[in-house]
Amino acid sequence: MKYFEEQKAQMEARVALDTRRNRKAFAKLHITDKEGRPVTGVKVRVDQKSHDFKFGCNLFMLDQFPDEARNQAYRKEFKELFNYGIAPFYWADFELTDGAPRMGENPPDVYRRPAPEKILGYCGENGIDVKGHPLFWHKFLPDWLPADRDESFYRLDRRLRELSSEYGDRIRDWDCVNESLTRPCNYMRDTRLPRDYPGSIFKKAAKYFTNNRLFINDVTEIAWDDELGELSAYHMQIENLLLKGIPVDAIGMQYHMFYTPEELEKRAGQFYNPECLFNCMDMYGSFGLPLHVSEVTVPAYGGTQENMELQARITEMLYRIWFSHEQMEGIVWWNLVDGTAAYAPFGSFEGENYYAGGLLNHDMTPKPVYHVLKRLIHEEWHTEEQIDSMPEAHVFEGFFGTYDVEVELNGETVRRELHLSKYGSREFTIEI
């Protein structure tokens, strides 16, 4: 908390200014009759029902719990908080055998890998956008993938073609290349990897995903290092790809605090430092591409009350900083429920479960951090307004998103919808 407290005044000033400048706008509302004449004196209520900003989480545990009560609780809590869900497409788990991807209604079960159709059905019912993760990650290649480079690239081409055909019109966003800067120094000896990796994969994916957005995504230590500035590896990699004309559409910046308490205390000057966070967002924002904090884990070691309260306080400051930035478009918390993280048995404290980085306890009860995010997203960053006697025109300031508008006239209520967007119209006429 040291750096947040030391920089509190300047942090809060910038966050307040940038949140209003980058996340809100003034809208002008007119009410008219069918002849276009202004109608005054009516009661009007404007209520935001969704955000344009993407507040997300992975959906890896959708219907993965051993009992129906927890499955239903997961479905309920997710949709009450988020408007963006991450669907798993890890190649090794998605295509268990060569030529047999887990598509369709009843594919083989894999833990933490619910079928795409299940995720798309749930998200479609609840107005949640989906991102596919990832198209390619060198750490999750199938065991059956041939060692011959041409043969492996042929199968990658087939994978991209099939995914785009099946899901391209239903999933707009895709993590195209994941964590490519963590590959071993001798990666060129791995003949399963295509030449000119990752550029060749972006080019191949762009051939099939013609109406989609392709993200590059990399790990915390690489994405949030401002020490070298534009000479940092991730910045130079993105710049190099763009200079080659390779279609990188958005930038993912992971934020997993996978450190022991002692290690995290030493790294606080990098990761829990508002100046460093702003510097990194400004640096990557200079590309003019959307930014996502693509995977967030803030630990609550052991799940003690003290650590859960600290997790909530830190998360609130991080979300305020990230939400305020001009180029930031989305924030994705990683694991919703404690005891369900990667590289560990269900319910254990092994692997990534050690960090207790969920928003819900393993019994599905909300942690303090869940209440913090719910307050921010659905209360503080929410607009609703009532005009008891409408003048000829009314101006309100609102967060970007979709709104329900109710107009009461002569005992009857007329309902309409409007979309206040960052780049769209700011003047609306409701005809009654």
Foldseek 3Di string as FASTA:
>chain_A
DVQCVVCVVVLVVLLVVLCQVFFKDKFKEFEAAPVRHGDWFWKKKKWFDDAQFFEAEEPLCQVQDPDPVVNVLVLVLRLLFGQEYEAEDQPQVQPVDQPDGQDDDDGDDDRSHDHPVVVLVSNVVRNHAYEYEALDEPVRHHPPQDQALVSLVVSSLVSLQVCLVVCLVRHAHHAYYEAPVVDDPVCVNRSNDHPPPPLVSLVSNCVRNVRHAYEHAHEAVQLLDPPVQCPGPVNVVVVVSVVVVRRHAEYEHEAEPPDDPVVCVVCCVRRVHLVSVVSSCVRVCVVVHAYENHEHFDFQAPPDLVSLVVSQVSVLSVCSSQSSDNRYRYYYYYAAEQQRDPPDPRNDCDDPSRRVRHQAYNVSHGTNNSVSSSCVPVPVQIDMDMDSIGDSMDMDMHTFHKIWMWIDDPNDIDIDMDGRHPPDDSYDYHYD
